[in-house]
PDB file of N, CA and C in Angstrom:
ATOM      1  N   UNK A   1     -12.909   4.475  12.178  1.00  0.00           N
ATOM      2  CA  UNK A   1     -12.236   3.463  11.411  1.00  0.00           C
ATOM      3  C   UNK A   1     -10.734   3.457  11.711  1.00  0.00           C
ATOM      4  N   UNK A   2     -10.196   4.645  11.889  1.00  0.00           N
ATOM      5  CA  UNK A   2      -8.767   4.758  12.172  1.00  0.00           C
ATOM      6  C   UNK A   2      -8.397   4.073  13.491  1.00  0.00           C
ATOM      7  N   UNK A   3      -9.252   4.205  14.489  1.00  0.00           N
ATOM      8  CA  UNK A   3      -8.995   3.561  15.782  1.00  0.00           C
ATOM      9  C   UNK A   3      -9.088   2.035  15.669  1.00  0.00           C
ATOM     10  N   UNK A   4     -10.015   1.562  14.870  1.00  0.00           N
ATOM     11  CA  UNK A   4     -10.181   0.113  14.694  1.00  0.00           C
ATOM     12  C   UNK A   4      -8.957  -0.480  14.016  1.00  0.00           C
ATOM     13  N   UNK A   5      -8.512   0.150  12.931  1.00  0.00           N
ATOM     14  CA  UNK A   5      -7.319  -0.336  12.222  1.00  0.00           C
ATOM     15  C   UNK A   5      -6.095  -0.223  13.123  1.00  0.00           C
ATOM     16  N   UNK A   6      -5.999   0.848  13.888  1.00  0.00           N
ATOM     17  CA  UNK A   6      -4.880   1.006  14.820  1.00  0.00           C
ATOM     18  C   UNK A   6      -4.860  -0.074  15.878  1.00  0.00           C
ATOM     19  N   UNK A   7      -6.032  -0.426  16.382  1.00  0.00           N
ATOM     20  CA  UNK A   7      -6.117  -1.512  17.370  1.00  0.00           C
ATOM     21  C   UNK A   7      -5.699  -2.844  16.748  1.00  0.00           C
ATOM     22  N   UNK A   8      -6.126  -3.098  15.526  1.00  0.00           N
ATOM     23  CA  UNK A   8      -5.744  -4.337  14.834  1.00  0.00           C
ATOM     24  C   UNK A   8      -4.236  -4.362  14.603  1.00  0.00           C
ATOM     25  N   UNK A   9      -3.667  -3.245  14.173  1.00  0.00           N
ATOM     26  CA  UNK A   9      -2.213  -3.171  13.970  1.00  0.00           C
ATOM     27  C   UNK A   9      -1.464  -3.431  15.271  1.00  0.00           C
ATOM     28  N   UNK A  10      -1.924  -2.813  16.350  1.00  0.00           N
ATOM     29  CA  UNK A  10      -1.275  -2.998  17.647  1.00  0.00           C
ATOM     30  C   UNK A  10      -1.360  -4.452  18.089  1.00  0.00           C
ATOM     31  N   UNK A  11      -2.528  -5.053  17.950  1.00  0.00           N
ATOM     32  CA  UNK A  11      -2.724  -6.445  18.369  1.00  0.00           C
ATOM     33  C   UNK A  11      -1.844  -7.398  17.571  1.00  0.00           C
ATOM     34  N   UNK A  12      -1.792  -7.195  16.262  1.00  0.00           N
ATOM     35  CA  UNK A  12      -0.952  -8.062  15.423  1.00  0.00           C
ATOM     36  C   UNK A  12       0.528  -7.870  15.748  1.00  0.00           C
ATOM     37  N   UNK A  13       0.935  -6.635  15.952  1.00  0.00           N
ATOM     38  CA  UNK A  13       2.324  -6.368  16.320  1.00  0.00           C
ATOM     39  C   UNK A  13       2.685  -7.003  17.652  1.00  0.00           C
ATOM     40  N   UNK A  14       1.755  -6.963  18.592  1.00  0.00           N
ATOM     41  CA  UNK A  14       1.970  -7.589  19.894  1.00  0.00           C
ATOM     42  C   UNK A  14       2.077  -9.108  19.743  1.00  0.00           C
ATOM     43  N   UNK A  15       1.303  -9.673  18.816  1.00  0.00           N
ATOM     44  CA  UNK A  15       1.330 -11.120  18.588  1.00  0.00           C
ATOM     45  C   UNK A  15       2.650 -11.631  18.041  1.00  0.00           C
ATOM     46  N   UNK A  16       3.447 -10.758  17.451  1.00  0.00           N
ATOM     47  CA  UNK A  16       4.762 -11.150  16.914  1.00  0.00           C
ATOM     48  C   UNK A  16       5.705 -11.580  18.038  1.00  0.00           C
ATOM     49  N   UNK A  17       5.504 -11.075  19.245  1.00  0.00           N
ATOM     50  CA  UNK A  17       6.417 -11.348  20.352  1.00  0.00           C
ATOM     51  C   UNK A  17       6.233 -12.720  20.995  1.00  0.00           C
ATOM     52  N   UNK A  18       5.184 -13.436  20.649  1.00  0.00           N
ATOM     53  CA  UNK A  18       4.905 -14.720  21.286  1.00  0.00           C
ATOM     54  C   UNK A  18       4.985 -15.844  20.260  1.00  0.00           C
ATOM     55  N   UNK A  19       5.715 -16.886  20.609  1.00  0.00           N
ATOM     56  CA  UNK A  19       5.942 -17.977  19.654  1.00  0.00           C
ATOM     57  C   UNK A  19       4.652 -18.690  19.264  1.00  0.00           C
ATOM     58  N   UNK A  20       3.649 -18.677  20.136  1.00  0.00           N
ATOM     59  CA  UNK A  20       2.384 -19.350  19.825  1.00  0.00           C
ATOM     60  C   UNK A  20       1.584 -18.592  18.757  1.00  0.00           C
ATOM     61  N   UNK A  21       1.765 -17.288  18.668  1.00  0.00           N
ATOM     62  CA  UNK A  21       0.948 -16.473  17.770  1.00  0.00           C
ATOM     63  C   UNK A  21       1.728 -15.810  16.644  1.00  0.00           C
ATOM     64  N   UNK A  22       3.035 -16.030  16.584  1.00  0.00           N
ATOM     65  CA  UNK A  22       3.849 -15.296  15.610  1.00  0.00           C
ATOM     66  C   UNK A  22       3.446 -15.600  14.168  1.00  0.00           C
ATOM     67  N   UNK A  23       3.116 -16.837  13.869  1.00  0.00           N
ATOM     68  CA  UNK A  23       2.761 -17.197  12.494  1.00  0.00           C
ATOM     69  C   UNK A  23       1.451 -16.531  12.075  1.00  0.00           C
ATOM     70  N   UNK A  24       0.431 -16.609  12.921  1.00  0.00           N
ATOM     71  CA  UNK A  24      -0.848 -15.978  12.607  1.00  0.00           C
ATOM     72  C   UNK A  24      -0.736 -14.455  12.585  1.00  0.00           C
ATOM     73  N   UNK A  25       0.042 -13.893  13.500  1.00  0.00           N
ATOM     74  CA  UNK A  25       0.201 -12.439  13.557  1.00  0.00           C
ATOM     75  C   UNK A  25       0.924 -11.925  12.316  1.00  0.00           C
ATOM     76  N   UNK A  26       1.965 -12.603  11.884  1.00  0.00           N
ATOM     77  CA  UNK A  26       2.688 -12.152  10.691  1.00  0.00           C
ATOM     78  C   UNK A  26       1.822 -12.291   9.443  1.00  0.00           C
ATOM     79  N   UNK A  27       1.020 -13.339   9.373  1.00  0.00           N
ATOM     80  CA  UNK A  27       0.091 -13.483   8.254  1.00  0.00           C
ATOM     81  C   UNK A  27      -0.942 -12.358   8.286  1.00  0.00           C
ATOM     82  N   UNK A  28      -1.442 -12.030   9.463  1.00  0.00           N
ATOM     83  CA  UNK A  28      -2.386 -10.928   9.601  1.00  0.00           C
ATOM     84  C   UNK A  28      -1.784  -9.598   9.199  1.00  0.00           C
ATOM     85  N   UNK A  29      -0.529  -9.359   9.569  1.00  0.00           N
ATOM     86  CA  UNK A  29       0.153  -8.125   9.180  1.00  0.00           C
ATOM     87  C   UNK A  29       0.297  -8.061   7.671  1.00  0.00           C
ATOM     88  N   UNK A  30       0.675  -9.175   7.052  1.00  0.00           N
ATOM     89  CA  UNK A  30       0.818  -9.224   5.604  1.00  0.00           C
ATOM     90  C   UNK A  30      -0.508  -8.895   4.915  1.00  0.00           C
ATOM     91  N   UNK A  31      -1.580  -9.513   5.381  1.00  0.00           N
ATOM     92  CA  UNK A  31      -2.906  -9.267   4.793  1.00  0.00           C
ATOM     93  C   UNK A  31      -3.326  -7.809   5.004  1.00  0.00           C
ATOM     94  N   UNK A  32      -3.085  -7.283   6.186  1.00  0.00           N
ATOM     95  CA  UNK A  32      -3.442  -5.893   6.466  1.00  0.00           C
ATOM     96  C   UNK A  32      -2.666  -4.936   5.564  1.00  0.00           C
ATOM     97  N   UNK A  33      -1.390  -5.212   5.342  1.00  0.00           N
ATOM     98  CA  UNK A  33      -0.592  -4.359   4.465  1.00  0.00           C
ATOM     99  C   UNK A  33      -1.113  -4.406   3.028  1.00  0.00           C
ATOM    100  N   UNK A  34      -1.562  -5.571   2.581  1.00  0.00           N
ATOM    101  CA  UNK A  34      -2.145  -5.679   1.241  1.00  0.00           C
ATOM    102  C   UNK A  34      -3.446  -4.878   1.171  1.00  0.00           C
ATOM    103  N   UNK A  35      -4.271  -4.989   2.209  1.00  0.00           N
ATOM    104  CA  UNK A  35      -5.548  -4.279   2.212  1.00  0.00           C
ATOM    105  C   UNK A  35      -5.374  -2.760   2.259  1.00  0.00           C
ATOM    106  N   UNK A  36      -4.322  -2.290   2.906  1.00  0.00           N
ATOM    107  CA  UNK A  36      -4.102  -0.851   3.036  1.00  0.00           C
ATOM    108  C   UNK A  36      -3.317  -0.248   1.869  1.00  0.00           C
ATOM    109  N   UNK A  37      -2.726  -1.082   1.026  1.00  0.00           N
ATOM    110  CA  UNK A  37      -1.935  -0.588  -0.104  1.00  0.00           C
ATOM    111  C   UNK A  37      -2.741   0.302  -1.049  1.00  0.00           C
ATOM    112  N   UNK A  38      -3.970  -0.055  -1.427  1.00  0.00           N
ATOM    113  CA  UNK A  38      -4.729   0.854  -2.320  1.00  0.00           C
ATOM    114  C   UNK A  38      -4.976   2.241  -1.717  1.00  0.00           C
ATOM    115  N   UNK A  39      -5.105   2.317  -0.412  1.00  0.00           N
ATOM    116  CA  UNK A  39      -5.289   3.622   0.233  1.00  0.00           C
ATOM    117  C   UNK A  39      -4.043   4.474   0.058  1.00  0.00           C
ATOM    118  N   UNK A  40      -2.864   3.860   0.180  1.00  0.00           N
ATOM    119  CA  UNK A  40      -1.615   4.602   0.009  1.00  0.00           C
ATOM    120  C   UNK A  40      -1.435   5.046  -1.443  1.00  0.00           C
ATOM    121  N   UNK A  41      -1.823   4.197  -2.383  1.00  0.00           N
ATOM    122  CA  UNK A  41      -1.731   4.570  -3.796  1.00  0.00           C
ATOM    123  C   UNK A  41      -2.721   5.695  -4.100  1.00  0.00           C
ATOM    124  N   UNK A  42      -3.935   5.596  -3.572  1.00  0.00           N
ATOM    125  CA  UNK A  42      -4.926   6.654  -3.765  1.00  0.00           C
ATOM    126  C   UNK A  42      -4.433   7.970  -3.166  1.00  0.00           C
ATOM    127  N   UNK A  43      -3.794   7.908  -2.012  1.00  0.00           N
ATOM    128  CA  UNK A  43      -3.269   9.115  -1.367  1.00  0.00           C
ATOM    129  C   UNK A  43      -2.197   9.762  -2.236  1.00  0.00           C
ATOM    130  N   UNK A  44      -1.421   8.957  -2.934  1.00  0.00           N
ATOM    131  CA  UNK A  44      -0.376   9.478  -3.812  1.00  0.00           C
ATOM    132  C   UNK A  44      -0.967  10.290  -4.961  1.00  0.00           C
ATOM    133  N   UNK A  45      -2.158   9.933  -5.423  1.00  0.00           N
ATOM    134  CA  UNK A  45      -2.764  10.626  -6.552  1.00  0.00           C
ATOM    135  C   UNK A  45      -3.397  11.964  -6.167  1.00  0.00           C
ATOM    136  N   UNK A  46      -3.549  12.217  -4.874  1.00  0.00           N
ATOM    137  CA  UNK A  46      -4.151  13.479  -4.435  1.00  0.00           C
ATOM    138  C   UNK A  46      -3.143  14.618  -4.553  1.00  0.00           C
ATOM    139  N   UNK A  47      -3.649  15.828  -4.723  1.00  0.00           N
ATOM    140  CA  UNK A  47      -2.739  16.980  -4.810  1.00  0.00           C
ATOM    141  C   UNK A  47      -2.073  17.279  -3.469  1.00  0.00           C
ATOM    142  N   UNK A  48      -2.796  17.019  -2.387  1.00  0.00           N
ATOM    143  CA  UNK A  48      -2.226  17.185  -1.044  1.00  0.00           C
ATOM    144  C   UNK A  48      -2.377  15.868  -0.296  1.00  0.00           C
ATOM    145  N   UNK A  49      -1.357  15.004  -0.330  1.00  0.00           N
ATOM    146  CA  UNK A  49      -1.453  13.706   0.356  1.00  0.00           C
ATOM    147  C   UNK A  49      -1.621  13.876   1.868  1.00  0.00           C
ATOM    148  N   UNK A  50      -2.290  12.928   2.476  1.00  0.00           N
ATOM    149  CA  UNK A  50      -2.531  12.973   3.921  1.00  0.00           C
ATOM    150  C   UNK A  50      -1.228  12.850   4.704  1.00  0.00           C
ATOM    151  N   UNK A  51      -0.231  12.192   4.124  1.00  0.00           N
ATOM    152  CA  UNK A  51       1.042  11.995   4.827  1.00  0.00           C
ATOM    153  C   UNK A  51       1.848  13.297   4.895  1.00  0.00           C
ATOM    154  N   UNK A  52       1.521  14.290   4.085  1.00  0.00           N
ATOM    155  CA  UNK A  52       2.214  15.562   4.166  1.00  0.00           C
ATOM    156  C   UNK A  52       2.670  16.065   2.818  1.00  0.00           C
ATOM    157  N   UNK A  53       3.597  15.363   2.199  1.00  0.00           N
ATOM    158  CA  UNK A  53       4.113  15.827   0.916  1.00  0.00           C
ATOM    159  C   UNK A  53       4.053  14.713  -0.121  1.00  0.00           C
ATOM    160  N   UNK A  54       4.145  15.101  -1.371  1.00  0.00           N
ATOM    161  CA  UNK A  54       4.150  14.136  -2.467  1.00  0.00           C
ATOM    162  C   UNK A  54       5.363  13.211  -2.368  1.00  0.00           C
ATOM    163  N   UNK A  55       6.508  13.776  -1.961  1.00  0.00           N
ATOM    164  CA  UNK A  55       7.730  12.983  -1.856  1.00  0.00           C
ATOM    165  C   UNK A  55       7.576  11.863  -0.821  1.00  0.00           C
ATOM    166  N   UNK A  56       6.990  12.172   0.320  1.00  0.00           N
ATOM    167  CA  UNK A  56       6.756  11.148   1.341  1.00  0.00           C
ATOM    168  C   UNK A  56       5.754  10.105   0.867  1.00  0.00           C
ATOM    169  N   UNK A  57       4.753  10.545   0.106  1.00  0.00           N
ATOM    170  CA  UNK A  57       3.763   9.608  -0.429  1.00  0.00           C
ATOM    171  C   UNK A  57       4.414   8.650  -1.423  1.00  0.00           C
ATOM    172  N   UNK A  58       5.369   9.146  -2.193  1.00  0.00           N
ATOM    173  CA  UNK A  58       6.089   8.294  -3.150  1.00  0.00           C
ATOM    174  C   UNK A  58       6.980   7.301  -2.416  1.00  0.00           C
ATOM    175  N   UNK A  59       7.638   7.745  -1.359  1.00  0.00           N
ATOM    176  CA  UNK A  59       8.531   6.867  -0.585  1.00  0.00           C
ATOM    177  C   UNK A  59       7.740   5.787   0.144  1.00  0.00           C
ATOM    178  N   UNK A  60       6.531   6.111   0.548  1.00  0.00           N
ATOM    179  CA  UNK A  60       5.731   5.178   1.337  1.00  0.00           C
ATOM    180  C   UNK A  60       5.346   3.910   0.566  1.00  0.00           C
ATOM    181  N   UNK A  61       5.165   4.001  -0.747  1.00  0.00           N
ATOM    182  CA  UNK A  61       4.739   2.846  -1.537  1.00  0.00           C
ATOM    183  C   UNK A  61       5.804   1.743  -1.526  1.00  0.00           C
ATOM    184  N   UNK A  62       7.071   2.020  -1.884  1.00  0.00           N
ATOM    185  CA  UNK A  62       8.078   0.943  -1.811  1.00  0.00           C
ATOM    186  C   UNK A  62       8.300   0.447  -0.378  1.00  0.00           C
ATOM    187  N   UNK A  63       8.175   1.359   0.585  1.00  0.00           N
ATOM    188  CA  UNK A  63       8.330   0.966   1.987  1.00  0.00           C
ATOM    189  C   UNK A  63       7.251  -0.030   2.390  1.00  0.00           C
ATOM    190  N   UNK A  64       6.053   0.145   1.839  1.00  0.00           N
ATOM    191  CA  UNK A  64       4.953  -0.786   2.110  1.00  0.00           C
ATOM    192  C   UNK A  64       5.321  -2.193   1.628  1.00  0.00           C
ATOM    193  N   UNK A  65       5.922  -2.281   0.441  1.00  0.00           N
ATOM    194  CA  UNK A  65       6.344  -3.579  -0.081  1.00  0.00           C
ATOM    195  C   UNK A  65       7.482  -4.177   0.752  1.00  0.00           C
ATOM    196  N   UNK A  66       8.368  -3.337   1.261  1.00  0.00           N
ATOM    197  CA  UNK A  66       9.434  -3.811   2.140  1.00  0.00           C
ATOM    198  C   UNK A  66       8.855  -4.393   3.431  1.00  0.00           C
ATOM    199  N   UNK A  67       7.853  -3.731   3.988  1.00  0.00           N
ATOM    200  CA  UNK A  67       7.188  -4.249   5.184  1.00  0.00           C
ATOM    201  C   UNK A  67       6.468  -5.563   4.895  1.00  0.00           C
ATOM    202  N   UNK A  68       5.861  -5.669   3.711  1.00  0.00           N
ATOM    203  CA  UNK A  68       5.192  -6.907   3.323  1.00  0.00           C
ATOM    204  C   UNK A  68       6.205  -8.045   3.219  1.00  0.00           C
ATOM    205  N   UNK A  69       7.368  -7.761   2.663  1.00  0.00           N
ATOM    206  CA  UNK A  69       8.416  -8.769   2.561  1.00  0.00           C
ATOM    207  C   UNK A  69       8.892  -9.186   3.952  1.00  0.00           C
ATOM    208  N   UNK A  70       9.036  -8.227   4.850  1.00  0.00           N
ATOM    209  CA  UNK A  70       9.432  -8.544   6.221  1.00  0.00           C
ATOM    210  C   UNK A  70       8.411  -9.427   6.920  1.00  0.00           C
ATOM    211  N   UNK A  71       7.135  -9.136   6.739  1.00  0.00           N
ATOM    212  CA  UNK A  71       6.081  -9.970   7.327  1.00  0.00           C
ATOM    213  C   UNK A  71       6.115 -11.369   6.731  1.00  0.00           C
ATOM    214  N   UNK A  72       6.378 -11.463   5.424  1.00  0.00           N
ATOM    215  CA  UNK A  72       6.497 -12.770   4.773  1.00  0.00           C
ATOM    216  C   UNK A  72       7.676 -13.563   5.345  1.00  0.00           C
ATOM    217  N   UNK A  73       8.805 -12.890   5.552  1.00  0.00           N
ATOM    218  CA  UNK A  73       9.970 -13.584   6.116  1.00  0.00           C
ATOM    219  C   UNK A  73       9.682 -14.103   7.522  1.00  0.00           C
ATOM    220  N   UNK A  74       9.025 -13.308   8.330  1.00  0.00           N
ATOM    221  CA  UNK A  74       8.673 -13.747   9.676  1.00  0.00           C
ATOM    222  C   UNK A  74       7.736 -14.955   9.606  1.00  0.00           C
ATOM    223  N   UNK A  75       6.753 -14.884   8.707  1.00  0.00           N
ATOM    224  CA  UNK A  75       5.806 -15.986   8.543  1.00  0.00           C
ATOM    225  C   UNK A  75       6.516 -17.265   8.095  1.00  0.00           C
ATOM    226  N   UNK A  76       7.389 -17.150   7.110  1.00  0.00           N
ATOM    227  CA  UNK A  76       8.034 -18.339   6.561  1.00  0.00           C
ATOM    228  C   UNK A  76       9.095 -18.931   7.499  1.00  0.00           C
ATOM    229  N   UNK A  77       9.645 -18.121   8.390  1.00  0.00           N
ATOM    230  CA  UNK A  77      10.676 -18.614   9.302  1.00  0.00           C
ATOM    231  C   UNK A  77      10.128 -19.025  10.658  1.00  0.00           C
ATOM    232  N   UNK A  78       8.813 -18.935  10.840  1.00  0.00           N
ATOM    233  CA  UNK A  78       8.260 -19.300  12.156  1.00  0.00           C
ATOM    234  C   UNK A  78       7.615 -20.671  12.116  1.00  0.00           C
TER     235      UNK A  78
END
């Protein structure tokens, strides 16, 4: 599953570089970030988060929203 999501992330990120696909790619990134948000919240509730420490797990949640906002800006400006 990790390889599949990684391939999707790579493909969407690559799509940002082309004017023909930037709108669809940014929308895909936004949707993917929404779909992955519950996993990050669930990881925060664990005693040993997969990211390493509780502090990093806490920082990752607002960063996720910042990335979502960035994807929205790219979508709305393309």
